[in-house]
């Protein structure tokens, strides 16, 4: 991981902690995202982690149905699905 990627990952980790958020990432996400994730796994594993989390915010780096599942399991929590940004 480059120095810039380390810096960005560190900033993401600080923001997640500050916001009481958890980052769940699917295996097919970019390595940089995987390195920032609290949990890395397949759809079932991430749904289980979403259901068990005590965080107020769930950030799900995956596909729409995974974020929808997390929201169904946690109707009282905010679930965010980041969009990819092309560079």
PDB file of N, CA and C in Angstrom:
ATOM      1  N   UNK A   1       0.853  -1.169   0.000  1.00  0.00           N
ATOM      2  CA  UNK A   1       0.000   0.000   0.000  1.00  0.00           C
ATOM      3  C   UNK A   1       0.901   1.233   0.000  1.00  0.00           C
ATOM      4  N   UNK A   2       0.575   2.188  -0.840  1.00  0.00           N
ATOM      5  CA  UNK A   2       1.376   3.401  -0.931  1.00  0.00           C
ATOM      6  C   UNK A   2       1.166   4.282   0.290  1.00  0.00           C
ATOM      7  N   UNK A   3       2.033   5.270   0.438  1.00  0.00           N
ATOM      8  CA  UNK A   3       1.919   6.191   1.567  1.00  0.00           C
ATOM      9  C   UNK A   3       0.583   6.918   1.537  1.00  0.00           C
ATOM     10  N   UNK A   4       0.140   7.354   0.346  1.00  0.00           N
ATOM     11  CA  UNK A   4      -1.154   8.032   0.230  1.00  0.00           C
ATOM     12  C   UNK A   4      -2.297   7.107   0.627  1.00  0.00           C
ATOM     13  N   UNK A   5      -2.219   5.844   0.224  1.00  0.00           N
ATOM     14  CA  UNK A   5      -3.261   4.880   0.572  1.00  0.00           C
ATOM     15  C   UNK A   5      -3.269   4.640   2.076  1.00  0.00           C
ATOM     16  N   UNK A   6      -2.085   4.566   2.703  1.00  0.00           N
ATOM     17  CA  UNK A   6      -2.010   4.406   4.158  1.00  0.00           C
ATOM     18  C   UNK A   6      -2.638   5.602   4.863  1.00  0.00           C
ATOM     19  N   UNK A   7      -2.346   6.795   4.364  1.00  0.00           N
ATOM     20  CA  UNK A   7      -2.888   8.009   4.955  1.00  0.00           C
ATOM     21  C   UNK A   7      -4.412   8.039   4.822  1.00  0.00           C
ATOM     22  N   UNK A   8      -4.910   7.690   3.643  1.00  0.00           N
ATOM     23  CA  UNK A   8      -6.354   7.668   3.430  1.00  0.00           C
ATOM     24  C   UNK A   8      -7.011   6.613   4.311  1.00  0.00           C
ATOM     25  N   UNK A   9      -6.403   5.436   4.400  1.00  0.00           N
ATOM     26  CA  UNK A   9      -6.938   4.370   5.241  1.00  0.00           C
ATOM     27  C   UNK A   9      -6.987   4.818   6.699  1.00  0.00           C
ATOM     28  N   UNK A  10      -5.955   5.489   7.155  1.00  0.00           N
ATOM     29  CA  UNK A  10      -5.915   5.985   8.534  1.00  0.00           C
ATOM     30  C   UNK A  10      -7.026   7.008   8.767  1.00  0.00           C
ATOM     31  N   UNK A  11      -7.243   7.889   7.817  1.00  0.00           N
ATOM     32  CA  UNK A  11      -8.306   8.887   7.926  1.00  0.00           C
ATOM     33  C   UNK A  11      -9.679   8.218   7.970  1.00  0.00           C
ATOM     34  N   UNK A  12      -9.858   7.192   7.167  1.00  0.00           N
ATOM     35  CA  UNK A  12     -11.128   6.457   7.154  1.00  0.00           C
ATOM     36  C   UNK A  12     -11.357   5.784   8.493  1.00  0.00           C
ATOM     37  N   UNK A  13     -10.326   5.157   9.047  1.00  0.00           N
ATOM     38  CA  UNK A  13     -10.452   4.477  10.338  1.00  0.00           C
ATOM     39  C   UNK A  13     -10.835   5.472  11.438  1.00  0.00           C
ATOM     40  N   UNK A  14     -10.216   6.653  11.428  1.00  0.00           N
ATOM     41  CA  UNK A  14     -10.536   7.682  12.429  1.00  0.00           C
ATOM     42  C   UNK A  14     -11.996   8.120  12.282  1.00  0.00           C
ATOM     43  N   UNK A  15     -12.434   8.343  11.062  1.00  0.00           N
ATOM     44  CA  UNK A  15     -13.811   8.781  10.818  1.00  0.00           C
ATOM     45  C   UNK A  15     -14.810   7.700  11.235  1.00  0.00           C
ATOM     46  N   UNK A  16     -14.511   6.448  10.931  1.00  0.00           N
ATOM     47  CA  UNK A  16     -15.398   5.353  11.338  1.00  0.00           C
ATOM     48  C   UNK A  16     -15.552   5.312  12.861  1.00  0.00           C
ATOM     49  N   UNK A  17     -14.438   5.458  13.553  1.00  0.00           N
ATOM     50  CA  UNK A  17     -14.479   5.436  15.020  1.00  0.00           C
ATOM     51  C   UNK A  17     -15.264   6.634  15.553  1.00  0.00           C
ATOM     52  N   UNK A  18     -14.997   7.809  15.004  1.00  0.00           N
ATOM     53  CA  UNK A  18     -15.665   9.034  15.444  1.00  0.00           C
ATOM     54  C   UNK A  18     -17.174   8.945  15.264  1.00  0.00           C
ATOM     55  N   UNK A  19     -17.612   8.337  14.177  1.00  0.00           N
ATOM     56  CA  UNK A  19     -19.034   8.244  13.847  1.00  0.00           C
ATOM     57  C   UNK A  19     -19.704   6.987  14.398  1.00  0.00           C
ATOM     58  N   UNK A  20     -18.945   6.155  15.119  1.00  0.00           N
ATOM     59  CA  UNK A  20     -19.438   4.861  15.603  1.00  0.00           C
ATOM     60  C   UNK A  20     -20.010   4.061  14.428  1.00  0.00           C
ATOM     61  N   UNK A  21     -19.157   3.882  13.437  1.00  0.00           N
ATOM     62  CA  UNK A  21     -19.547   3.177  12.220  1.00  0.00           C
ATOM     63  C   UNK A  21     -18.690   1.936  12.033  1.00  0.00           C
ATOM     64  N   UNK A  22     -19.231   0.988  11.296  1.00  0.00           N
ATOM     65  CA  UNK A  22     -18.516  -0.228  10.957  1.00  0.00           C
ATOM     66  C   UNK A  22     -18.463  -0.309   9.429  1.00  0.00           C
ATOM     67  N   UNK A  23     -17.319  -0.724   8.906  1.00  0.00           N
ATOM     68  CA  UNK A  23     -17.144  -0.872   7.457  1.00  0.00           C
ATOM     69  C   UNK A  23     -17.086  -2.351   7.132  1.00  0.00           C
ATOM     70  N   UNK A  24     -18.069  -2.807   6.373  1.00  0.00           N
ATOM     71  CA  UNK A  24     -18.148  -4.189   5.920  1.00  0.00           C
ATOM     72  C   UNK A  24     -17.830  -4.214   4.434  1.00  0.00           C
ATOM     73  N   UNK A  25     -16.886  -5.046   4.021  1.00  0.00           N
ATOM     74  CA  UNK A  25     -16.469  -5.082   2.613  1.00  0.00           C
ATOM     75  C   UNK A  25     -16.523  -6.503   2.071  1.00  0.00           C
ATOM     76  N   UNK A  26     -17.021  -6.610   0.861  1.00  0.00           N
ATOM     77  CA  UNK A  26     -17.075  -7.905   0.185  1.00  0.00           C
ATOM     78  C   UNK A  26     -15.697  -8.243  -0.369  1.00  0.00           C
ATOM     79  N   UNK A  27     -15.435  -9.544  -0.534  1.00  0.00           N
ATOM     80  CA  UNK A  27     -14.145 -10.013  -1.055  1.00  0.00           C
ATOM     81  C   UNK A  27     -13.748  -9.378  -2.381  1.00  0.00           C
ATOM     82  N   UNK A  28     -14.709  -9.039  -3.213  1.00  0.00           N
ATOM     83  CA  UNK A  28     -14.357  -8.523  -4.537  1.00  0.00           C
ATOM     84  C   UNK A  28     -14.009  -7.033  -4.546  1.00  0.00           C
ATOM     85  N   UNK A  29     -14.057  -6.383  -3.417  1.00  0.00           N
ATOM     86  CA  UNK A  29     -13.679  -4.970  -3.363  1.00  0.00           C
ATOM     87  C   UNK A  29     -12.168  -4.820  -3.545  1.00  0.00           C
ATOM     88  N   UNK A  30     -11.774  -3.634  -3.936  1.00  0.00           N
ATOM     89  CA  UNK A  30     -10.368  -3.295  -4.108  1.00  0.00           C
ATOM     90  C   UNK A  30      -9.601  -3.549  -2.808  1.00  0.00           C
ATOM     91  N   UNK A  31      -8.355  -3.933  -2.922  1.00  0.00           N
ATOM     92  CA  UNK A  31      -7.499  -4.241  -1.760  1.00  0.00           C
ATOM     93  C   UNK A  31      -7.439  -3.068  -0.778  1.00  0.00           C
ATOM     94  N   UNK A  32      -7.414  -1.858  -1.283  1.00  0.00           N
ATOM     95  CA  UNK A  32      -7.352  -0.680  -0.407  1.00  0.00           C
ATOM     96  C   UNK A  32      -8.594  -0.612   0.483  1.00  0.00           C
ATOM     97  N   UNK A  33      -9.747  -0.916  -0.080  1.00  0.00           N
ATOM     98  CA  UNK A  33     -10.985  -0.918   0.703  1.00  0.00           C
ATOM     99  C   UNK A  33     -10.965  -2.079   1.686  1.00  0.00           C
ATOM    100  N   UNK A  34     -10.525  -3.231   1.233  1.00  0.00           N
ATOM    101  CA  UNK A  34     -10.434  -4.397   2.119  1.00  0.00           C
ATOM    102  C   UNK A  34      -9.568  -4.097   3.336  1.00  0.00           C
ATOM    103  N   UNK A  35      -8.472  -3.390   3.122  1.00  0.00           N
ATOM    104  CA  UNK A  35      -7.552  -3.073   4.214  1.00  0.00           C
ATOM    105  C   UNK A  35      -8.170  -2.138   5.256  1.00  0.00           C
ATOM    106  N   UNK A  36      -9.168  -1.362   4.855  1.00  0.00           N
ATOM    107  CA  UNK A  36      -9.847  -0.437   5.777  1.00  0.00           C
ATOM    108  C   UNK A  36     -10.998  -1.108   6.521  1.00  0.00           C
ATOM    109  N   UNK A  37     -11.470  -2.221   5.998  1.00  0.00           N
ATOM    110  CA  UNK A  37     -12.694  -2.838   6.504  1.00  0.00           C
ATOM    111  C   UNK A  37     -12.531  -3.418   7.907  1.00  0.00           C
ATOM    112  N   UNK A  38     -13.607  -3.307   8.673  1.00  0.00           N
ATOM    113  CA  UNK A  38     -13.664  -3.984   9.964  1.00  0.00           C
ATOM    114  C   UNK A  38     -13.875  -5.474   9.749  1.00  0.00           C
ATOM    115  N   UNK A  39     -14.677  -5.800   8.732  1.00  0.00           N
ATOM    116  CA  UNK A  39     -14.951  -7.192   8.391  1.00  0.00           C
ATOM    117  C   UNK A  39     -14.914  -7.349   6.884  1.00  0.00           C
ATOM    118  N   UNK A  40     -14.348  -8.445   6.441  1.00  0.00           N
ATOM    119  CA  UNK A  40     -14.207  -8.777   5.031  1.00  0.00           C
ATOM    120  C   UNK A  40     -14.775 -10.171   4.831  1.00  0.00           C
ATOM    121  N   UNK A  41     -15.673 -10.319   3.860  1.00  0.00           N
ATOM    122  CA  UNK A  41     -16.231 -11.646   3.657  1.00  0.00           C
ATOM    123  C   UNK A  41     -17.216 -11.700   2.511  1.00  0.00           C
ATOM    124  N   UNK A  42     -17.962 -12.809   2.469  1.00  0.00           N
ATOM    125  CA  UNK A  42     -18.982 -12.977   1.443  1.00  0.00           C
ATOM    126  C   UNK A  42     -20.297 -12.375   1.944  1.00  0.00           C
ATOM    127  N   UNK A  43     -21.327 -12.464   1.134  1.00  0.00           N
ATOM    128  CA  UNK A  43     -22.608 -11.822   1.450  1.00  0.00           C
ATOM    129  C   UNK A  43     -23.210 -12.328   2.755  1.00  0.00           C
ATOM    130  N   UNK A  44     -23.196 -13.633   2.973  1.00  0.00           N
ATOM    131  CA  UNK A  44     -23.771 -14.193   4.198  1.00  0.00           C
ATOM    132  C   UNK A  44     -23.009 -13.724   5.435  1.00  0.00           C
ATOM    133  N   UNK A  45     -21.694 -13.799   5.395  1.00  0.00           N
ATOM    134  CA  UNK A  45     -20.871 -13.372   6.526  1.00  0.00           C
ATOM    135  C   UNK A  45     -21.134 -11.902   6.849  1.00  0.00           C
ATOM    136  N   UNK A  46     -21.199 -11.057   5.828  1.00  0.00           N
ATOM    137  CA  UNK A  46     -21.407  -9.627   6.059  1.00  0.00           C
ATOM    138  C   UNK A  46     -22.799  -9.347   6.614  1.00  0.00           C
ATOM    139  N   UNK A  47     -23.800 -10.104   6.177  1.00  0.00           N
ATOM    140  CA  UNK A  47     -25.151  -9.950   6.728  1.00  0.00           C
ATOM    141  C   UNK A  47     -25.150 -10.314   8.211  1.00  0.00           C
ATOM    142  N   UNK A  48     -24.432 -11.374   8.558  1.00  0.00           N
ATOM    143  CA  UNK A  48     -24.343 -11.779   9.961  1.00  0.00           C
ATOM    144  C   UNK A  48     -23.637 -10.712  10.794  1.00  0.00           C
ATOM    145  N   UNK A  49     -22.583 -10.128  10.263  1.00  0.00           N
ATOM    146  CA  UNK A  49     -21.865  -9.071  10.985  1.00  0.00           C
ATOM    147  C   UNK A  49     -22.724  -7.814  11.090  1.00  0.00           C
ATOM    148  N   UNK A  50     -23.475  -7.507  10.050  1.00  0.00           N
ATOM    149  CA  UNK A  50     -24.371  -6.349  10.094  1.00  0.00           C
ATOM    150  C   UNK A  50     -25.418  -6.534  11.180  1.00  0.00           C
ATOM    151  N   UNK A  51     -25.963  -7.736  11.288  1.00  0.00           N
ATOM    152  CA  UNK A  51     -26.983  -8.007  12.296  1.00  0.00           C
ATOM    153  C   UNK A  51     -26.416  -7.918  13.708  1.00  0.00           C
ATOM    154  N   UNK A  52     -25.177  -8.310  13.883  1.00  0.00           N
ATOM    155  CA  UNK A  52     -24.570  -8.371  15.217  1.00  0.00           C
ATOM    156  C   UNK A  52     -23.926  -7.062  15.672  1.00  0.00           C
ATOM    157  N   UNK A  53     -23.725  -6.115  14.790  1.00  0.00           N
ATOM    158  CA  UNK A  53     -22.970  -4.914  15.145  1.00  0.00           C
ATOM    159  C   UNK A  53     -23.709  -4.022  16.139  1.00  0.00           C
ATOM    160  N   UNK A  54     -22.938  -3.367  16.968  1.00  0.00           N
ATOM    161  CA  UNK A  54     -23.485  -2.365  17.883  1.00  0.00           C
ATOM    162  C   UNK A  54     -23.261  -0.952  17.343  1.00  0.00           C
ATOM    163  N   UNK A  55     -22.616  -0.847  16.197  1.00  0.00           N
ATOM    164  CA  UNK A  55     -22.346   0.466  15.590  1.00  0.00           C
ATOM    165  C   UNK A  55     -23.661   1.131  15.183  1.00  0.00           C
ATOM    166  N   UNK A  56     -23.665   2.453  15.176  1.00  0.00           N
ATOM    167  CA  UNK A  56     -24.847   3.213  14.747  1.00  0.00           C
ATOM    168  C   UNK A  56     -24.975   3.294  13.239  1.00  0.00           C
ATOM    169  N   UNK A  57     -23.839   3.200  12.553  1.00  0.00           N
ATOM    170  CA  UNK A  57     -23.810   3.336  11.092  1.00  0.00           C
ATOM    171  C   UNK A  57     -23.111   2.121  10.512  1.00  0.00           C
ATOM    172  N   UNK A  58     -23.705   1.570   9.456  1.00  0.00           N
ATOM    173  CA  UNK A  58     -23.109   0.457   8.733  1.00  0.00           C
ATOM    174  C   UNK A  58     -22.749   0.955   7.336  1.00  0.00           C
ATOM    175  N   UNK A  59     -21.481   0.892   7.004  1.00  0.00           N
ATOM    176  CA  UNK A  59     -21.007   1.239   5.665  1.00  0.00           C
ATOM    177  C   UNK A  59     -20.718  -0.083   4.972  1.00  0.00           C
ATOM    178  N   UNK A  60     -21.453  -0.344   3.888  1.00  0.00           N
ATOM    179  CA  UNK A  60     -21.332  -1.632   3.234  1.00  0.00           C
ATOM    180  C   UNK A  60     -20.732  -1.453   1.850  1.00  0.00           C
ATOM    181  N   UNK A  61     -19.494  -1.888   1.698  1.00  0.00           N
ATOM    182  CA  UNK A  61     -18.816  -1.839   0.404  1.00  0.00           C
ATOM    183  C   UNK A  61     -19.140  -3.141  -0.320  1.00  0.00           C
ATOM    184  N   UNK A  62     -20.225  -3.107  -1.058  1.00  0.00           N
ATOM    185  CA  UNK A  62     -20.720  -4.279  -1.767  1.00  0.00           C
ATOM    186  C   UNK A  62     -21.738  -3.847  -2.795  1.00  0.00           C
ATOM    187  N   UNK A  63     -22.783  -4.639  -2.954  1.00  0.00           N
ATOM    188  CA  UNK A  63     -23.829  -4.315  -3.932  1.00  0.00           C
ATOM    189  C   UNK A  63     -25.118  -3.943  -3.208  1.00  0.00           C
ATOM    190  N   UNK A  64     -26.054  -3.392  -3.962  1.00  0.00           N
ATOM    191  CA  UNK A  64     -27.293  -2.876  -3.375  1.00  0.00           C
ATOM    192  C   UNK A  64     -28.016  -3.889  -2.492  1.00  0.00           C
ATOM    193  N   UNK A  65     -28.156  -5.136  -2.959  1.00  0.00           N
ATOM    194  CA  UNK A  65     -28.929  -6.086  -2.162  1.00  0.00           C
ATOM    195  C   UNK A  65     -28.287  -6.333  -0.800  1.00  0.00           C
ATOM    196  N   UNK A  66     -26.963  -6.215  -0.709  1.00  0.00           N
ATOM    197  CA  UNK A  66     -26.292  -6.421   0.568  1.00  0.00           C
ATOM    198  C   UNK A  66     -26.622  -5.281   1.534  1.00  0.00           C
ATOM    199  N   UNK A  67     -26.648  -4.053   1.021  1.00  0.00           N
ATOM    200  CA  UNK A  67     -27.014  -2.909   1.854  1.00  0.00           C
ATOM    201  C   UNK A  67     -28.484  -2.996   2.247  1.00  0.00           C
ATOM    202  N   UNK A  68     -29.324  -3.440   1.333  1.00  0.00           N
ATOM    203  CA  UNK A  68     -30.745  -3.600   1.637  1.00  0.00           C
ATOM    204  C   UNK A  68     -30.948  -4.648   2.735  1.00  0.00           C
ATOM    205  N   UNK A  69     -30.204  -5.739   2.652  1.00  0.00           N
ATOM    206  CA  UNK A  69     -30.281  -6.781   3.680  1.00  0.00           C
ATOM    207  C   UNK A  69     -29.855  -6.230   5.033  1.00  0.00           C
ATOM    208  N   UNK A  70     -28.765  -5.470   5.052  1.00  0.00           N
ATOM    209  CA  UNK A  70     -28.291  -4.876   6.306  1.00  0.00           C
ATOM    210  C   UNK A  70     -29.354  -3.953   6.895  1.00  0.00           C
ATOM    211  N   UNK A  71     -30.055  -3.212   6.049  1.00  0.00           N
ATOM    212  CA  UNK A  71     -31.093  -2.294   6.522  1.00  0.00           C
ATOM    213  C   UNK A  71     -32.305  -3.060   7.055  1.00  0.00           C
ATOM    214  N   UNK A  72     -32.670  -4.146   6.390  1.00  0.00           N
ATOM    215  CA  UNK A  72     -33.786  -4.967   6.876  1.00  0.00           C
ATOM    216  C   UNK A  72     -33.454  -5.535   8.251  1.00  0.00           C
ATOM    217  N   UNK A  73     -32.218  -5.960   8.423  1.00  0.00           N
ATOM    218  CA  UNK A  73     -31.782  -6.529   9.705  1.00  0.00           C
ATOM    219  C   UNK A  73     -31.609  -5.473  10.785  1.00  0.00           C
ATOM    220  N   UNK A  74     -31.431  -4.212  10.370  1.00  0.00           N
ATOM    221  CA  UNK A  74     -31.163  -3.097  11.298  1.00  0.00           C
ATOM    222  C   UNK A  74     -31.988  -1.877  10.913  1.00  0.00           C
ATOM    223  N   UNK A  75     -33.293  -1.934  11.031  1.00  0.00           N
ATOM    224  CA  UNK A  75     -34.123  -0.807  10.573  1.00  0.00           C
ATOM    225  C   UNK A  75     -33.852   0.493  11.319  1.00  0.00           C
ATOM    226  N   UNK A  76     -33.310   0.410  12.526  1.00  0.00           N
ATOM    227  CA  UNK A  76     -33.048   1.604  13.333  1.00  0.00           C
ATOM    228  C   UNK A  76     -31.694   2.243  13.023  1.00  0.00           C
ATOM    229  N   UNK A  77     -30.872   1.589  12.204  1.00  0.00           N
ATOM    230  CA  UNK A  77     -29.527   2.099  11.926  1.00  0.00           C
ATOM    231  C   UNK A  77     -29.436   2.698  10.529  1.00  0.00           C
ATOM    232  N   UNK A  78     -28.464   3.591  10.377  1.00  0.00           N
ATOM    233  CA  UNK A  78     -28.178   4.165   9.063  1.00  0.00           C
ATOM    234  C   UNK A  78     -27.260   3.202   8.321  1.00  0.00           C
ATOM    235  N   UNK A  79     -27.630   2.869   7.091  1.00  0.00           N
ATOM    236  CA  UNK A  79     -26.816   1.997   6.254  1.00  0.00           C
ATOM    237  C   UNK A  79     -26.395   2.790   5.029  1.00  0.00           C
ATOM    238  N   UNK A  80     -25.099   2.845   4.789  1.00  0.00           N
ATOM    239  CA  UNK A  80     -24.542   3.599   3.664  1.00  0.00           C
ATOM    240  C   UNK A  80     -23.915   2.647   2.656  1.00  0.00           C
ATOM    241  N   UNK A  81     -24.141   2.932   1.388  1.00  0.00           N
ATOM    242  CA  UNK A  81     -23.569   2.156   0.296  1.00  0.00           C
ATOM    243  C   UNK A  81     -22.737   3.118  -0.553  1.00  0.00           C
ATOM    244  N   UNK A  82     -21.427   3.136  -0.368  1.00  0.00           N
ATOM    245  CA  UNK A  82     -20.578   4.081  -1.121  1.00  0.00           C
ATOM    246  C   UNK A  82     -20.615   3.793  -2.612  1.00  0.00           C
ATOM    247  N   UNK A  83     -20.523   4.833  -3.411  1.00  0.00           N
ATOM    248  CA  UNK A  83     -20.412   4.706  -4.865  1.00  0.00           C
ATOM    249  C   UNK A  83     -18.947   4.720  -5.268  1.00  0.00           C
ATOM    250  N   UNK A  84     -18.634   3.945  -6.272  1.00  0.00           N
ATOM    251  CA  UNK A  84     -17.266   3.953  -6.809  1.00  0.00           C
ATOM    252  C   UNK A  84     -17.004   5.257  -7.533  1.00  0.00           C
ATOM    253  N   UNK A  85     -15.814   5.775  -7.389  1.00  0.00           N
ATOM    254  CA  UNK A  85     -15.404   6.995  -8.078  1.00  0.00           C
ATOM    255  C   UNK A  85     -14.280   6.624  -9.021  1.00  0.00           C
ATOM    256  N   UNK A  86     -14.481   6.873 -10.291  1.00  0.00           N
ATOM    257  CA  UNK A  86     -13.449   6.576 -11.278  1.00  0.00           C
ATOM    258  C   UNK A  86     -12.377   7.662 -11.226  1.00  0.00           C
ATOM    259  N   UNK A  87     -11.123   7.220 -11.321  1.00  0.00           N
ATOM    260  CA  UNK A  87     -10.022   8.191 -11.310  1.00  0.00           C
ATOM    261  C   UNK A  87      -9.239   8.090 -12.568  1.00  0.00           C
TER     262      UNK A  87
END
